[in-house]
């Protein structure tokens, strides 16, 4: 939790039901592995405003690094779709070869789902 107060961490926990805002893993007894995460990184001009902070597990915080929320969303969607990470040169080569990646749907993080709704449920579906 670093330099953040217990009060702040508890308030942030309410945003995502004391789970990682990104993947939904339950912190339960692992509060020592909780990270206060900047959705828009401080290294890129993000602030310590409450609206920019969420709780993240060590894995998500580490994987996200200094990506902003939308960059991390694209990364997570590609990973979920099984699309490997390529360098710019590799992507250029694949494009020249005529390779086309499958369309990927936008990734929705745990903290974005309405409370009480299971992941994957859509309003109006039976």
Protein backbone atom coordinates (compact mmCIF):
# COMPACT_ATOMS: atom_id res chain seq x y z
CA UNK A 1 0.00 0.00 0.00
CA UNK A 2 3.05 2.21 0.24
CA UNK A 3 2.54 5.75 1.44
CA UNK A 4 -1.25 5.71 1.13
CA UNK A 5 -3.42 5.89 4.22
CA UNK A 6 -5.57 2.99 5.36
CA UNK A 7 -8.60 5.28 5.02
CA UNK A 8 -7.83 5.91 1.34
CA UNK A 9 -7.30 2.21 0.65
CA UNK A 10 -10.62 1.35 2.32
CA UNK A 11 -12.44 4.01 0.29
CA UNK A 12 -10.82 2.74 -2.92
CA UNK A 13 -11.89 -0.79 -1.97
CA UNK A 14 -15.51 0.33 -2.20
CA UNK A 15 -15.00 1.10 -5.91
CA UNK A 16 -14.37 -2.56 -6.70
CA UNK A 17 -15.76 -4.57 -3.79
CA UNK A 18 -12.26 -5.06 -2.30
CA UNK A 19 -11.07 -6.76 -5.46
CA UNK A 20 -8.54 -5.85 -8.09
CA UNK A 21 -10.21 -3.18 -10.25
CA UNK A 22 -8.73 -4.80 -13.37
CA UNK A 23 -9.00 -8.60 -13.00
CA UNK A 24 -11.37 -8.93 -10.03
CA UNK A 25 -9.10 -11.09 -7.88
CA UNK A 26 -10.24 -11.01 -4.26
CA UNK A 27 -7.79 -9.45 -1.85
CA UNK A 28 -9.35 -11.23 1.17
CA UNK A 29 -6.37 -11.96 3.41
CA UNK A 30 -3.77 -10.63 1.00
CA UNK A 31 -3.96 -6.92 1.78
CA UNK A 32 -0.17 -6.75 1.74
CA UNK A 33 -0.28 -7.39 -2.02
CA UNK A 34 -2.71 -4.53 -2.71
CA UNK A 35 -1.39 -1.71 -4.88
CA UNK A 36 -2.91 1.74 -5.17
CA UNK A 37 -2.81 2.17 -8.93
CA UNK A 38 -3.02 5.32 -11.07
CA UNK A 39 -5.29 4.65 -14.05
CA UNK A 40 -3.59 7.51 -15.86
CA UNK A 41 0.05 7.14 -14.73
CA UNK A 42 1.77 9.87 -12.76
CA UNK A 43 4.76 9.41 -15.08
CA UNK A 44 2.54 10.68 -17.89
CA UNK A 45 0.86 13.54 -16.05
CA UNK A 46 -1.70 11.61 -13.98
CA UNK A 47 -2.74 12.91 -10.58
CA UNK A 48 -3.37 11.54 -7.11
CA UNK A 49 -7.04 12.54 -7.40
CA UNK A 50 -9.40 9.91 -6.02
CA UNK A 51 -11.03 9.44 -9.45
CA UNK A 52 -7.64 8.46 -10.92
CA UNK A 53 -6.89 5.84 -8.25
CA UNK A 54 -8.02 2.21 -7.97
CA UNK A 55 -6.84 -0.89 -6.14
CA UNK A 56 -4.90 -3.42 -8.20
CA UNK A 57 -3.27 -6.75 -7.53
CA UNK A 58 0.49 -7.01 -7.93
CA UNK A 59 0.18 -8.85 -11.28
CA UNK A 60 -2.14 -6.29 -12.89
CA UNK A 61 -0.20 -3.32 -11.54
CA UNK A 62 3.05 -4.78 -12.85
CA UNK A 63 1.58 -5.73 -16.23
CA UNK A 64 -0.08 -2.35 -16.71
CA UNK A 65 3.11 -0.47 -15.91
CA UNK A 66 2.88 3.04 -17.32
CA UNK A 67 0.16 2.25 -19.85
CA UNK A 68 -2.90 4.45 -19.55
CA UNK A 69 -6.30 2.82 -19.08
CA UNK A 70 -7.10 2.55 -22.80
CA UNK A 71 -3.65 1.20 -23.70
CA UNK A 72 -4.01 -1.44 -21.01
CA UNK A 73 -7.54 -2.22 -22.27
CA UNK A 74 -6.16 -2.94 -25.76
CA UNK A 75 -3.33 -5.03 -24.28
CA UNK A 76 -5.81 -7.06 -22.16
CA UNK A 77 -8.20 -7.56 -25.11
CA UNK A 78 -5.38 -8.83 -27.34
CA UNK A 79 -4.13 -11.16 -24.61
CA UNK A 80 -7.67 -12.47 -24.02
CA UNK A 81 -8.05 -13.08 -27.79
CA UNK A 82 -4.72 -14.95 -27.89
CA UNK A 83 -2.96 -12.36 -30.04
CA UNK A 84 0.75 -12.31 -29.21
CA UNK A 85 2.64 -9.09 -28.60
CA UNK A 86 4.64 -7.99 -31.64
CA UNK A 87 7.19 -5.22 -32.13
CA UNK A 88 6.48 -2.45 -34.63
CA UNK A 89 8.89 -4.04 -37.12
CA UNK A 90 7.16 -7.41 -36.77
CA UNK A 91 3.74 -5.83 -37.29
CA UNK A 92 5.00 -4.02 -40.42
CA UNK A 93 6.37 -7.30 -41.80
CA UNK A 94 3.11 -9.14 -41.09
CA UNK A 95 1.15 -6.38 -42.82
CA UNK A 96 3.36 -6.64 -45.93
CA UNK A 97 2.77 -10.41 -45.91
CA UNK A 98 -1.00 -9.78 -45.92
CA UNK A 99 -1.59 -11.18 -42.44
CA UNK A 100 -4.78 -9.96 -40.79
CA UNK A 101 -5.48 -10.20 -37.10
CA UNK A 102 -8.98 -11.15 -36.00
CA UNK A 103 -11.25 -8.37 -34.79
CA UNK A 104 -11.07 -7.99 -31.03
CA UNK A 105 -13.86 -6.85 -28.78
CA UNK A 106 -13.19 -4.16 -26.23
CA UNK A 107 -12.09 -5.48 -22.87
CA UNK A 108 -14.15 -4.54 -19.82
CA UNK A 109 -12.35 -4.46 -16.49
CA UNK A 110 -13.91 -5.83 -13.31
CA UNK A 111 -14.35 -2.37 -11.80
CA UNK A 112 -16.38 -1.23 -14.81
CA UNK A 113 -19.09 -3.87 -14.40
CA UNK A 114 -22.21 -2.75 -12.53
CA UNK A 115 -22.19 -4.02 -8.94
CA UNK A 116 -24.12 -7.27 -8.56
CA UNK A 117 -23.87 -8.14 -12.26
CA UNK A 118 -21.79 -11.19 -13.17
CA UNK A 119 -19.08 -10.71 -15.75
CA UNK A 120 -20.43 -11.55 -19.17
CA UNK A 121 -24.05 -10.70 -18.37
CA UNK A 122 -25.62 -8.08 -20.58
CA UNK A 123 -28.77 -6.14 -19.85
CA UNK A 124 -31.71 -7.65 -21.68
CA UNK A 125 -30.16 -11.08 -22.24
CA UNK A 126 -32.06 -14.18 -21.13
